[in-house]
Amino acid sequence: MFIETEDTPNPATLKFLPGRELMPNGATADFIDADSVAGRSRLAEVLFDLEGVSRVFFGGDFVAVTKADTVAWDELKPQVLSVVADYLATGQAPVEHEAVVVEDAIAPGDEEIVKQIKELLDTRVRPAVAGDGGDIVFRGYRDGIVRLTMQGACSGCPSSRATLKHGVENMLRHYVPEVVSVEQVEA
């Protein structure tokens, strides 16, 4: 199996592209550390067994792996390629049990605003963020404040705050006048 790799804006994260769908229907899975796997993904467990892997993220057609500062990509990259290729050759799904993303309750009267926000995120933001090896997840909206979680490569990226505040916030405020600001919520 041939797996391509791509750099991301986060120098600690590489995207591994096996040339096939991994997560159907726009689903993603973010494992912030080995403890977060909890039987949900055998592939993530095996990746975390590699010395230096600090985060694993599965997107629609890629695996984004974040490394610790103590290891170099020239050491870790061949190991990750081998693990991903061997695992995918078994035909098993990368994720056995998906985590449920908990959203804040929607206040009465905000349903249409939340629908607009989610549509903009799904059509304009998530594809761009996926291109950088991550995802952005809606967590809630109340009193003009949109709560989002950055995942994968975007979570630890030095430019993620700028992306969130200047890119996402400005776009949402433009299309949805009720939006006052955007804040990042940790997973």
C-alpha atoms as a PDB file:
ATOM      1  CA  MET A   1       0.000   0.000   0.000  1.00  0.00           C
ATOM      2  CA  PHE A   2       1.352   3.394  -0.981  1.00  0.00           C
ATOM      3  CA  ILE A   3       0.759   6.131   1.599  1.00  0.00           C
ATOM      4  CA  GLU A   4       1.560   9.745   0.794  1.00  0.00           C
ATOM      5  CA  THR A   5       2.568  12.251   3.456  1.00  0.00           C
ATOM      6  CA  GLU A   6       1.917  15.975   3.648  1.00  0.00           C
ATOM      7  CA  ASP A   7       3.258  18.654   5.904  1.00  0.00           C
ATOM      8  CA  THR A   8       0.758  20.718   7.887  1.00  0.00           C
ATOM      9  CA  PRO A   9       1.042  24.265   9.221  1.00  0.00           C
ATOM     10  CA  ASN A  10       1.848  22.642  12.568  1.00  0.00           C
ATOM     11  CA  PRO A  11       5.465  21.424  12.256  1.00  0.00           C
ATOM     12  CA  ALA A  12       4.843  18.755  14.902  1.00  0.00           C
ATOM     13  CA  THR A  13       2.088  17.128  12.785  1.00  0.00           C
ATOM     14  CA  LEU A  14       2.210  15.170   9.540  1.00  0.00           C
ATOM     15  CA  LYS A  15      -0.725  13.949   7.447  1.00  0.00           C
ATOM     16  CA  PHE A  16      -0.630  10.374   6.195  1.00  0.00           C
ATOM     17  CA  LEU A  17      -2.867   9.824   3.145  1.00  0.00           C
ATOM     18  CA  PRO A  18      -3.544   6.172   2.279  1.00  0.00           C
ATOM     19  CA  GLY A  19      -5.618   7.013  -0.804  1.00  0.00           C
ATOM     20  CA  ARG A  20      -8.877   5.687   0.598  1.00  0.00           C
ATOM     21  CA  GLU A  21     -11.702   6.726   2.873  1.00  0.00           C
ATOM     22  CA  LEU A  22     -11.041   6.142   6.558  1.00  0.00           C
ATOM     23  CA  MET A  23     -13.930   7.917   8.263  1.00  0.00           C
ATOM     24  CA  PRO A  24     -17.268   7.937   6.425  1.00  0.00           C
ATOM     25  CA  ASN A  25     -19.860  10.718   6.330  1.00  0.00           C
ATOM     26  CA  GLY A  26     -17.565  13.531   7.449  1.00  0.00           C
ATOM     27  CA  ALA A  27     -16.859  11.861  10.791  1.00  0.00           C
ATOM     28  CA  THR A  28     -13.558  12.469  12.551  1.00  0.00           C
ATOM     29  CA  ALA A  29     -11.858  11.028  15.624  1.00  0.00           C
ATOM     30  CA  ASP A  30      -9.377  12.925  17.769  1.00  0.00           C
ATOM     31  CA  PHE A  31      -7.230  11.153  20.350  1.00  0.00           C
ATOM     32  CA  ILE A  32      -5.452  13.790  22.418  1.00  0.00           C
ATOM     33  CA  ASP A  33      -3.304  11.205  24.226  1.00  0.00           C
ATOM     34  CA  ALA A  34      -3.025   7.452  24.770  1.00  0.00           C
ATOM     35  CA  ASP A  35      -5.511   7.598  27.650  1.00  0.00           C
ATOM     36  CA  SER A  36      -8.226   9.020  25.378  1.00  0.00           C
ATOM     37  CA  VAL A  37      -8.293   5.899  23.176  1.00  0.00           C
ATOM     38  CA  ALA A  38     -10.037   3.722  25.813  1.00  0.00           C
ATOM     39  CA  GLY A  39     -10.767   0.829  23.460  1.00  0.00           C
ATOM     40  CA  ARG A  40     -12.168   3.056  20.710  1.00  0.00           C
ATOM     41  CA  SER A  41      -9.434   2.461  18.117  1.00  0.00           C
ATOM     42  CA  ARG A  42      -6.898  -0.320  17.796  1.00  0.00           C
ATOM     43  CA  LEU A  43      -5.008   1.702  15.164  1.00  0.00           C
ATOM     44  CA  ALA A  44      -4.677   4.668  17.536  1.00  0.00           C
ATOM     45  CA  GLU A  45      -3.497   2.325  20.297  1.00  0.00           C
ATOM     46  CA  VAL A  46      -0.757   0.915  18.059  1.00  0.00           C
ATOM     47  CA  LEU A  47       0.311   4.410  16.958  1.00  0.00           C
ATOM     48  CA  PHE A  48       0.552   5.568  20.575  1.00  0.00           C
ATOM     49  CA  ASP A  49       2.797   2.558  21.274  1.00  0.00           C
ATOM     50  CA  LEU A  50       5.400   4.246  19.052  1.00  0.00           C
ATOM     51  CA  GLU A  51       7.789   6.344  21.093  1.00  0.00           C
ATOM     52  CA  GLY A  52       7.165  10.024  20.418  1.00  0.00           C
ATOM     53  CA  VAL A  53       3.549   9.920  19.191  1.00  0.00           C
ATOM     54  CA  SER A  54       1.597  12.469  21.237  1.00  0.00           C
ATOM     55  CA  ARG A  55      -1.717  12.835  19.338  1.00  0.00           C
ATOM     56  CA  VAL A  56      -3.626  10.934  16.637  1.00  0.00           C
ATOM     57  CA  PHE A  57      -6.437  12.291  14.481  1.00  0.00           C
ATOM     58  CA  PHE A  58      -8.478  10.473  11.839  1.00  0.00           C
ATOM     59  CA  GLY A  59     -10.070  12.570   9.099  1.00  0.00           C
ATOM     60  CA  GLY A  60     -12.134  11.475   6.133  1.00  0.00           C
ATOM     61  CA  ASP A  61      -9.165  10.226   4.108  1.00  0.00           C
ATOM     62  CA  PHE A  62      -6.126  10.816   6.291  1.00  0.00           C
ATOM     63  CA  VAL A  63      -4.403  10.142   9.591  1.00  0.00           C
ATOM     64  CA  ALA A  64      -2.712  13.124  11.238  1.00  0.00           C
ATOM     65  CA  VAL A  65      -0.020  12.227  13.744  1.00  0.00           C
ATOM     66  CA  THR A  66       1.506  14.740  16.137  1.00  0.00           C
ATOM     67  CA  LYS A  67       4.917  14.009  17.567  1.00  0.00           C
ATOM     68  CA  ALA A  68       6.594  15.024  20.794  1.00  0.00           C
ATOM     69  CA  ASP A  69       9.452  17.525  20.644  1.00  0.00           C
ATOM     70  CA  THR A  70      11.861  14.795  21.793  1.00  0.00           C
ATOM     71  CA  VAL A  71      11.701  12.838  18.529  1.00  0.00           C
ATOM     72  CA  ALA A  72      12.473  13.797  14.917  1.00  0.00           C
ATOM     73  CA  TRP A  73      10.222  13.049  11.961  1.00  0.00           C
ATOM     74  CA  ASP A  74      13.014  11.213  10.119  1.00  0.00           C
ATOM     75  CA  GLU A  75      12.954   8.642  12.961  1.00  0.00           C
ATOM     76  CA  LEU A  76       9.198   8.458  13.504  1.00  0.00           C
ATOM     77  CA  LYS A  77       7.766   8.816   9.987  1.00  0.00           C
ATOM     78  CA  PRO A  78       8.837   5.356   8.673  1.00  0.00           C
ATOM     79  CA  GLN A  79       7.416   3.708  11.794  1.00  0.00           C
ATOM     80  CA  VAL A  80       4.067   5.484  11.393  1.00  0.00           C
ATOM     81  CA  LEU A  81       3.933   4.578   7.691  1.00  0.00           C
ATOM     82  CA  SER A  82       4.534   0.926   8.530  1.00  0.00           C
ATOM     83  CA  VAL A  83       1.899   0.823  11.283  1.00  0.00           C
ATOM     84  CA  VAL A  84      -0.761   2.551   9.165  1.00  0.00           C
ATOM     85  CA  ALA A  85      -0.083   0.388   6.085  1.00  0.00           C
ATOM     86  CA  ASP A  86      -0.079  -2.861   8.084  1.00  0.00           C
ATOM     87  CA  TYR A  87      -3.258  -1.955   9.940  1.00  0.00           C
ATOM     88  CA  LEU A  88      -5.206  -0.840   6.867  1.00  0.00           C
ATOM     89  CA  ALA A  89      -4.161  -4.017   5.032  1.00  0.00           C
ATOM     90  CA  THR A  90      -6.196  -5.977   7.610  1.00  0.00           C
ATOM     91  CA  GLY A  91      -9.373  -4.272   6.367  1.00  0.00           C
ATOM     92  CA  GLN A  92     -10.410  -3.239   9.879  1.00  0.00           C
ATOM     93  CA  ALA A  93     -12.000   0.161  10.480  1.00  0.00           C
ATOM     94  CA  PRO A  94      -9.675   2.688  12.153  1.00  0.00           C
ATOM     95  CA  VAL A  95     -12.289   3.463  14.813  1.00  0.00           C
ATOM     96  CA  GLU A  96     -14.487   0.880  16.478  1.00  0.00           C
ATOM     97  CA  HIS A  97     -16.424   3.207  18.779  1.00  0.00           C
ATOM     98  CA  GLU A  98     -16.831   6.894  18.010  1.00  0.00           C
ATOM     99  CA  ALA A  99     -16.855   9.454  20.789  1.00  0.00           C
ATOM    100  CA  VAL A 100     -19.940  11.554  21.216  1.00  0.00           C
ATOM    101  CA  VAL A 101     -19.335  15.288  20.882  1.00  0.00           C
ATOM    102  CA  VAL A 102     -21.258  17.065  23.589  1.00  0.00           C
ATOM    103  CA  GLU A 103     -22.887  20.302  22.470  1.00  0.00           C
ATOM    104  CA  ASP A 104     -24.375  22.918  24.743  1.00  0.00           C
ATOM    105  CA  ALA A 105     -28.154  23.013  24.803  1.00  0.00           C
ATOM    106  CA  ILE A 106     -29.583  25.421  22.220  1.00  0.00           C
ATOM    107  CA  ALA A 107     -31.555  28.266  23.738  1.00  0.00           C
ATOM    108  CA  PRO A 108     -35.142  28.680  22.517  1.00  0.00           C
ATOM    109  CA  GLY A 109     -35.157  30.942  19.472  1.00  0.00           C
ATOM    110  CA  ASP A 110     -31.515  30.234  18.538  1.00  0.00           C
ATOM    111  CA  GLU A 111     -32.210  27.146  16.430  1.00  0.00           C
ATOM    112  CA  GLU A 112     -32.051  28.987  13.082  1.00  0.00           C
ATOM    113  CA  ILE A 113     -28.833  30.818  14.037  1.00  0.00           C
ATOM    114  CA  VAL A 114     -27.185  27.538  15.078  1.00  0.00           C
ATOM    115  CA  LYS A 115     -28.307  25.924  11.814  1.00  0.00           C
ATOM    116  CA  GLN A 116     -26.658  28.752   9.818  1.00  0.00           C
ATOM    117  CA  ILE A 117     -23.459  28.520  11.884  1.00  0.00           C
ATOM    118  CA  LYS A 118     -23.203  24.744  11.419  1.00  0.00           C
ATOM    119  CA  GLU A 119     -23.834  25.022   7.684  1.00  0.00           C
ATOM    120  CA  LEU A 120     -21.074  27.627   7.286  1.00  0.00           C
ATOM    121  CA  LEU A 121     -18.678  25.529   9.347  1.00  0.00           C
ATOM    122  CA  ASP A 122     -19.461  22.394   7.307  1.00  0.00           C
ATOM    123  CA  THR A 123     -19.261  24.021   3.879  1.00  0.00           C
ATOM    124  CA  ARG A 124     -16.571  26.691   4.269  1.00  0.00           C
ATOM    125  CA  VAL A 125     -14.410  25.993   7.304  1.00  0.00           C
ATOM    126  CA  ARG A 126     -14.131  22.242   7.851  1.00  0.00           C
ATOM    127  CA  PRO A 127     -12.852  21.460   4.322  1.00  0.00           C
ATOM    128  CA  ALA A 128     -10.064  24.037   4.675  1.00  0.00           C
ATOM    129  CA  VAL A 129      -9.150  22.885   8.172  1.00  0.00           C
ATOM    130  CA  ALA A 130      -9.128  19.243   7.004  1.00  0.00           C
ATOM    131  CA  GLY A 131      -6.642  20.262   4.332  1.00  0.00           C
ATOM    132  CA  ASP A 132      -4.326  21.261   7.166  1.00  0.00           C
ATOM    133  CA  GLY A 133      -4.759  17.960   9.008  1.00  0.00           C
ATOM    134  CA  GLY A 134      -7.469  18.845  11.491  1.00  0.00           C
ATOM    135  CA  ASP A 135     -11.080  19.606  12.130  1.00  0.00           C
ATOM    136  CA  ILE A 136     -13.226  22.179  13.864  1.00  0.00           C
ATOM    137  CA  VAL A 137     -16.218  21.045  15.894  1.00  0.00           C
ATOM    138  CA  PHE A 138     -19.231  23.102  16.921  1.00  0.00           C
ATOM    139  CA  ARG A 139     -19.761  22.925  20.680  1.00  0.00           C
ATOM    140  CA  GLY A 140     -22.343  25.607  21.326  1.00  0.00           C
ATOM    141  CA  TYR A 141     -23.843  29.057  20.831  1.00  0.00           C
ATOM    142  CA  ARG A 142     -25.235  31.398  23.458  1.00  0.00           C
ATOM    143  CA  ASP A 143     -25.558  35.177  23.717  1.00  0.00           C
ATOM    144  CA  GLY A 144     -23.692  35.763  20.445  1.00  0.00           C
ATOM    145  CA  ILE A 145     -20.698  33.601  21.376  1.00  0.00           C
ATOM    146  CA  VAL A 146     -19.868  30.559  19.240  1.00  0.00           C
ATOM    147  CA  ARG A 147     -17.940  27.821  21.057  1.00  0.00           C
ATOM    148  CA  LEU A 148     -15.671  25.630  18.897  1.00  0.00           C
ATOM    149  CA  THR A 149     -13.067  22.931  19.451  1.00  0.00           C
ATOM    150  CA  MET A 150     -10.012  22.629  17.226  1.00  0.00           C
ATOM    151  CA  GLN A 151      -8.880  19.035  16.626  1.00  0.00           C
ATOM    152  CA  GLY A 152      -5.947  17.203  15.111  1.00  0.00           C
ATOM    153  CA  ALA A 153      -3.079  19.265  13.721  1.00  0.00           C
ATOM    154  CA  CYS A 154      -5.064  22.439  14.329  1.00  0.00           C
ATOM    155  CA  SER A 155      -5.274  21.882  18.063  1.00  0.00           C
ATOM    156  CA  GLY A 156      -1.626  22.596  18.782  1.00  0.00           C
ATOM    157  CA  CYS A 157      -0.862  24.704  15.736  1.00  0.00           C
ATOM    158  CA  PRO A 158       0.749  28.070  16.419  1.00  0.00           C
ATOM    159  CA  SER A 159      -1.619  29.740  13.944  1.00  0.00           C
ATOM    160  CA  SER A 160      -4.842  28.122  15.199  1.00  0.00           C
ATOM    161  CA  ARG A 161      -5.858  31.061  17.401  1.00  0.00           C
ATOM    162  CA  ALA A 162      -5.407  33.443  14.473  1.00  0.00           C
ATOM    163  CA  THR A 163      -7.415  31.109  12.231  1.00  0.00           C
ATOM    164  CA  LEU A 164     -10.172  30.959  14.805  1.00  0.00           C
ATOM    165  CA  LYS A 165     -10.350  34.657  15.634  1.00  0.00           C
ATOM    166  CA  HIS A 166      -9.538  36.296  12.308  1.00  0.00           C
ATOM    167  CA  GLY A 167     -10.770  33.718   9.845  1.00  0.00           C
ATOM    168  CA  VAL A 168     -13.691  31.861  11.389  1.00  0.00           C
ATOM    169  CA  GLU A 169     -14.959  34.650  13.624  1.00  0.00           C
ATOM    170  CA  ASN A 170     -14.881  37.262  10.869  1.00  0.00           C
ATOM    171  CA  MET A 171     -16.652  34.963   8.411  1.00  0.00           C
ATOM    172  CA  LEU A 172     -19.374  33.984  10.903  1.00  0.00           C
ATOM    173  CA  ARG A 173     -19.918  37.616  11.932  1.00  0.00           C
ATOM    174  CA  HIS A 174     -20.248  38.568   8.266  1.00  0.00           C
ATOM    175  CA  TYR A 175     -22.867  35.935   7.404  1.00  0.00           C
ATOM    176  CA  VAL A 176     -24.607  35.651  10.785  1.00  0.00           C
ATOM    177  CA  PRO A 177     -24.955  39.136  12.308  1.00  0.00           C
ATOM    178  CA  GLU A 178     -26.028  37.672  15.663  1.00  0.00           C
ATOM    179  CA  VAL A 179     -22.519  36.260  16.180  1.00  0.00           C
ATOM    180  CA  VAL A 180     -20.427  38.529  18.391  1.00  0.00           C
ATOM    181  CA  SER A 181     -17.329  36.362  18.906  1.00  0.00           C
ATOM    182  CA  VAL A 182     -15.837  32.898  18.709  1.00  0.00           C
ATOM    183  CA  GLU A 183     -14.087  31.140  21.563  1.00  0.00           C
ATOM    184  CA  GLN A 184     -12.029  27.997  21.622  1.00  0.00           C
ATOM    185  CA  VAL A 185     -13.116  25.218  23.968  1.00  0.00           C
ATOM    186  CA  GLU A 186     -10.743  22.414  24.853  1.00  0.00           C
ATOM    187  CA  ALA A 187     -11.972  18.893  24.165  1.00  0.00           C
END
